[in-house]
Amino acid sequence: MRVLIFSIITVFGICGCSNTWHGVKEDTNSGVEWTKDKVNDGATWVKDKTE
């Protein structure tokens, strides 16, 4: 009985960590894309003002 309960808890823990890790990777990728867009917008603004 203990082994069964421990196994169930372990499976849920692994699934939860997997989902969390996927979310972290997705959020990080979104943050990188957002930063690239903002840097590009700033560079375009500077280019327009200096020409």
PDB file of N, CA and C in Angstrom:
ATOM      1  N   MET A   1       0.824  -1.192   0.000  1.00  0.00           N
ATOM      2  CA  MET A   1       0.000   0.000   0.000  1.00  0.00           C
ATOM      3  C   MET A   1       0.869   1.257   0.000  1.00  0.00           C
ATOM      4  N   ARG A   2       1.932   1.251   0.795  1.00  0.00           N
ATOM      5  CA  ARG A   2       2.829   2.404   0.824  1.00  0.00           C
ATOM      6  C   ARG A   2       3.482   2.622  -0.527  1.00  0.00           C
ATOM      7  N   VAL A   3       3.870   1.525  -1.157  1.00  0.00           N
ATOM      8  CA  VAL A   3       4.535   1.628  -2.453  1.00  0.00           C
ATOM      9  C   VAL A   3       3.578   2.227  -3.485  1.00  0.00           C
ATOM     10  N   LEU A   4       2.331   1.827  -3.445  1.00  0.00           N
ATOM     11  CA  LEU A   4       1.334   2.345  -4.383  1.00  0.00           C
ATOM     12  C   LEU A   4       1.140   3.851  -4.185  1.00  0.00           C
ATOM     13  N   ILE A   5       0.986   4.270  -2.956  1.00  0.00           N
ATOM     14  CA  ILE A   5       0.804   5.694  -2.661  1.00  0.00           C
ATOM     15  C   ILE A   5       2.048   6.480  -3.061  1.00  0.00           C
ATOM     16  N   PHE A   6       3.215   5.966  -2.725  1.00  0.00           N
ATOM     17  CA  PHE A   6       4.461   6.628  -3.098  1.00  0.00           C
ATOM     18  C   PHE A   6       4.588   6.734  -4.613  1.00  0.00           C
ATOM     19  N   SER A   7       4.206   5.685  -5.325  1.00  0.00           N
ATOM     20  CA  SER A   7       4.278   5.688  -6.788  1.00  0.00           C
ATOM     21  C   SER A   7       3.344   6.735  -7.385  1.00  0.00           C
ATOM     22  N   ILE A   8       2.142   6.817  -6.855  1.00  0.00           N
ATOM     23  CA  ILE A   8       1.176   7.803  -7.355  1.00  0.00           C
ATOM     24  C   ILE A   8       1.684   9.220  -7.111  1.00  0.00           C
ATOM     25  N   ILE A   9       2.187   9.472  -5.923  1.00  0.00           N
ATOM     26  CA  ILE A   9       2.725  10.800  -5.606  1.00  0.00           C
ATOM     27  C   ILE A   9       3.903  11.134  -6.517  1.00  0.00           C
ATOM     28  N   THR A  10       4.769  10.169  -6.755  1.00  0.00           N
ATOM     29  CA  THR A  10       5.924  10.382  -7.626  1.00  0.00           C
ATOM     30  C   THR A  10       5.487  10.710  -9.049  1.00  0.00           C
ATOM     31  N   VAL A  11       4.520   9.977  -9.566  1.00  0.00           N
ATOM     32  CA  VAL A  11       4.032  10.227 -10.931  1.00  0.00           C
ATOM     33  C   VAL A  11       3.441  11.631 -11.037  1.00  0.00           C
ATOM     34  N   PHE A  12       2.617  12.021 -10.064  1.00  0.00           N
ATOM     35  CA  PHE A  12       2.048  13.369 -10.098  1.00  0.00           C
ATOM     36  C   PHE A  12       3.135  14.429  -9.956  1.00  0.00           C
ATOM     37  N   GLY A  13       4.142  14.165  -9.153  1.00  0.00           N
ATOM     38  CA  GLY A  13       5.247  15.111  -9.008  1.00  0.00           C
ATOM     39  C   GLY A  13       6.017  15.294 -10.297  1.00  0.00           C
ATOM     40  N   ILE A  14       6.288  14.200 -10.975  1.00  0.00           N
ATOM     41  CA  ILE A  14       7.024  14.276 -12.241  1.00  0.00           C
ATOM     42  C   ILE A  14       6.190  15.016 -13.287  1.00  0.00           C
ATOM     43  N   CYS A  15       4.914  14.722 -13.367  1.00  0.00           N
ATOM     44  CA  CYS A  15       4.044  15.404 -14.340  1.00  0.00           C
ATOM     45  C   CYS A  15       3.948  16.893 -14.029  1.00  0.00           C
ATOM     46  N   GLY A  16       3.839  17.226 -12.764  1.00  0.00           N
ATOM     47  CA  GLY A  16       3.765  18.636 -12.375  1.00  0.00           C
ATOM     48  C   GLY A  16       5.040  19.377 -12.701  1.00  0.00           C
ATOM     49  N   CYS A  17       6.180  18.765 -12.430  1.00  0.00           N
ATOM     50  CA  CYS A  17       7.458  19.401 -12.743  1.00  0.00           C
ATOM     51  C   CYS A  17       7.639  19.536 -14.246  1.00  0.00           C
ATOM     52  N   SER A  18       7.187  18.553 -14.983  1.00  0.00           N
ATOM     53  CA  SER A  18       7.293  18.605 -16.440  1.00  0.00           C
ATOM     54  C   SER A  18       6.476  19.764 -16.988  1.00  0.00           C
ATOM     55  N   ASN A  19       5.260  19.916 -16.501  1.00  0.00           N
ATOM     56  CA  ASN A  19       4.411  21.014 -16.963  1.00  0.00           C
ATOM     57  C   ASN A  19       4.989  22.361 -16.562  1.00  0.00           C
ATOM     58  N   THR A  20       5.518  22.453 -15.364  1.00  0.00           N
ATOM     59  CA  THR A  20       6.116  23.702 -14.907  1.00  0.00           C
ATOM     60  C   THR A  20       7.329  24.046 -15.754  1.00  0.00           C
ATOM     61  N   TRP A  21       8.172  23.076 -16.038  1.00  0.00           N
ATOM     62  CA  TRP A  21       9.371  23.319 -16.837  1.00  0.00           C
ATOM     63  C   TRP A  21       8.982  23.773 -18.234  1.00  0.00           C
ATOM     64  N   HIS A  22       7.946  23.167 -18.811  1.00  0.00           N
ATOM     65  CA  HIS A  22       7.476  23.580 -20.135  1.00  0.00           C
ATOM     66  C   HIS A  22       7.015  25.037 -20.087  1.00  0.00           C
ATOM     67  N   GLY A  23       6.314  25.411 -19.041  1.00  0.00           N
ATOM     68  CA  GLY A  23       5.857  26.795 -18.891  1.00  0.00           C
ATOM     69  C   GLY A  23       7.008  27.767 -18.744  1.00  0.00           C
ATOM     70  N   VAL A  24       8.031  27.378 -17.991  1.00  0.00           N
ATOM     71  CA  VAL A  24       9.202  28.239 -17.817  1.00  0.00           C
ATOM     72  C   VAL A  24       9.897  28.449 -19.155  1.00  0.00           C
ATOM     73  N   LYS A  25      10.077  27.383 -19.921  1.00  0.00           N
ATOM     74  CA  LYS A  25      10.728  27.510 -21.229  1.00  0.00           C
ATOM     75  C   LYS A  25       9.904  28.397 -22.159  1.00  0.00           C
ATOM     76  N   GLU A  26       8.592  28.229 -22.143  1.00  0.00           N
ATOM     77  CA  GLU A  26       7.725  29.032 -23.014  1.00  0.00           C
ATOM     78  C   GLU A  26       7.771  30.507 -22.614  1.00  0.00           C
ATOM     79  N   ASP A  27       7.707  30.792 -21.310  1.00  0.00           N
ATOM     80  CA  ASP A  27       7.762  32.174 -20.842  1.00  0.00           C
ATOM     81  C   ASP A  27       9.099  32.821 -21.165  1.00  0.00           C
ATOM     82  N   THR A  28      10.182  32.061 -21.019  1.00  0.00           N
ATOM     83  CA  THR A  28      11.503  32.593 -21.328  1.00  0.00           C
ATOM     84  C   THR A  28      11.609  32.920 -22.807  1.00  0.00           C
ATOM     85  N   ASN A  29      11.113  32.041 -23.651  1.00  0.00           N
ATOM     86  CA  ASN A  29      11.144  32.290 -25.091  1.00  0.00           C
ATOM     87  C   ASN A  29      10.318  33.527 -25.431  1.00  0.00           C
ATOM     88  N   SER A  30       9.163  33.675 -24.817  1.00  0.00           N
ATOM     89  CA  SER A  30       8.323  34.849 -25.062  1.00  0.00           C
ATOM     90  C   SER A  30       9.027  36.123 -24.601  1.00  0.00           C
ATOM     91  N   GLY A  31       9.703  36.053 -23.473  1.00  0.00           N
ATOM     92  CA  GLY A  31      10.444  37.204 -22.970  1.00  0.00           C
ATOM     93  C   GLY A  31      11.576  37.604 -23.890  1.00  0.00           C
ATOM     94  N   VAL A  32      12.265  36.629 -24.437  1.00  0.00           N
ATOM     95  CA  VAL A  32      13.360  36.913 -25.366  1.00  0.00           C
ATOM     96  C   VAL A  32      12.816  37.591 -26.614  1.00  0.00           C
ATOM     97  N   GLU A  33      11.721  37.082 -27.154  1.00  0.00           N
ATOM     98  CA  GLU A  33      11.127  37.686 -28.357  1.00  0.00           C
ATOM     99  C   GLU A  33      10.646  39.103 -28.066  1.00  0.00           C
ATOM    100  N   TRP A  34      10.050  39.330 -26.900  1.00  0.00           N
ATOM    101  CA  TRP A  34       9.584  40.661 -26.525  1.00  0.00           C
ATOM    102  C   TRP A  34      10.759  41.620 -26.437  1.00  0.00           C
ATOM    103  N   THR A  35      11.865  41.171 -25.827  1.00  0.00           N
ATOM    104  CA  THR A  35      13.048  42.014 -25.697  1.00  0.00           C
ATOM    105  C   THR A  35      13.630  42.341 -27.063  1.00  0.00           C
ATOM    106  N   LYS A  36      13.709  41.361 -27.949  1.00  0.00           N
ATOM    107  CA  LYS A  36      14.219  41.609 -29.303  1.00  0.00           C
ATOM    108  C   LYS A  36      13.367  42.652 -30.013  1.00  0.00           C
ATOM    109  N   ASP A  37      12.054  42.541 -29.881  1.00  0.00           N
ATOM    110  CA  ASP A  37      11.162  43.508 -30.526  1.00  0.00           C
ATOM    111  C   ASP A  37      11.379  44.911 -29.969  1.00  0.00           C
ATOM    112  N   LYS A  38      11.509  45.030 -28.666  1.00  0.00           N
ATOM    113  CA  LYS A  38      11.703  46.345 -28.051  1.00  0.00           C
ATOM    114  C   LYS A  38      13.044  46.950 -28.448  1.00  0.00           C
ATOM    115  N   VAL A  39      14.102  46.154 -28.485  1.00  0.00           N
ATOM    116  CA  VAL A  39      15.414  46.654 -28.900  1.00  0.00           C
ATOM    117  C   VAL A  39      15.355  47.095 -30.358  1.00  0.00           C
ATOM    118  N   ASN A  40      14.703  46.309 -31.198  1.00  0.00           N
ATOM    119  CA  ASN A  40      14.574  46.659 -32.610  1.00  0.00           C
ATOM    120  C   ASN A  40      13.772  47.951 -32.779  1.00  0.00           C
ATOM    121  N   ASP A  41      12.695  48.101 -32.020  1.00  0.00           N
ATOM    122  CA  ASP A  41      11.905  49.334 -32.082  1.00  0.00           C
ATOM    123  C   ASP A  41      12.736  50.541 -31.658  1.00  0.00           C
ATOM    124  N   GLY A  42      13.526  50.385 -30.606  1.00  0.00           N
ATOM    125  CA  GLY A  42      14.385  51.475 -30.144  1.00  0.00           C
ATOM    126  C   GLY A  42      15.441  51.833 -31.170  1.00  0.00           C
ATOM    127  N   ALA A  43      16.043  50.841 -31.784  1.00  0.00           N
ATOM    128  CA  ALA A  43      17.062  51.097 -32.799  1.00  0.00           C
ATOM    129  C   ALA A  43      16.451  51.780 -34.018  1.00  0.00           C
ATOM    130  N   THR A  44      15.255  51.381 -34.389  1.00  0.00           N
ATOM    131  CA  THR A  44      14.569  52.021 -35.518  1.00  0.00           C
ATOM    132  C   THR A  44      14.254  53.474 -35.198  1.00  0.00           C
ATOM    133  N   TRP A  45      13.825  53.739 -33.984  1.00  0.00           N
ATOM    134  CA  TRP A  45      13.521  55.104 -33.566  1.00  0.00           C
ATOM    135  C   TRP A  45      14.773  55.972 -33.619  1.00  0.00           C
ATOM    136  N   VAL A  46      15.888  55.461 -33.104  1.00  0.00           N
ATOM    137  CA  VAL A  46      17.149  56.210 -33.128  1.00  0.00           C
ATOM    138  C   VAL A  46      17.582  56.454 -34.568  1.00  0.00           C
ATOM    139  N   LYS A  47      17.457  55.449 -35.410  1.00  0.00           N
ATOM    140  CA  LYS A  47      17.836  55.593 -36.823  1.00  0.00           C
ATOM    141  C   LYS A  47      16.996  56.678 -37.496  1.00  0.00           C
ATOM    142  N   ASP A  48      15.685  56.678 -37.230  1.00  0.00           N
ATOM    143  CA  ASP A  48      14.808  57.692 -37.826  1.00  0.00           C
ATOM    144  C   ASP A  48      15.159  59.094 -37.340  1.00  0.00           C
ATOM    145  N   LYS A  49      15.516  59.224 -36.081  1.00  0.00           N
ATOM    146  CA  LYS A  49      15.825  60.542 -35.515  1.00  0.00           C
ATOM    147  C   LYS A  49      17.187  61.058 -35.966  1.00  0.00           C
ATOM    148  N   THR A  50      18.108  60.173 -36.298  1.00  0.00           N
ATOM    149  CA  THR A  50      19.452  60.616 -36.673  1.00  0.00           C
ATOM    150  C   THR A  50      19.622  60.793 -38.174  1.00  0.00           C
ATOM    151  N   GLU A  51      18.638  60.376 -38.954  1.00  0.00           N
ATOM    152  CA  GLU A  51      18.765  60.547 -40.411  1.00  0.00           C
ATOM    153  C   GLU A  51      18.107  61.812 -40.871  1.00  0.00           C
TER     154      GLU A  51
END
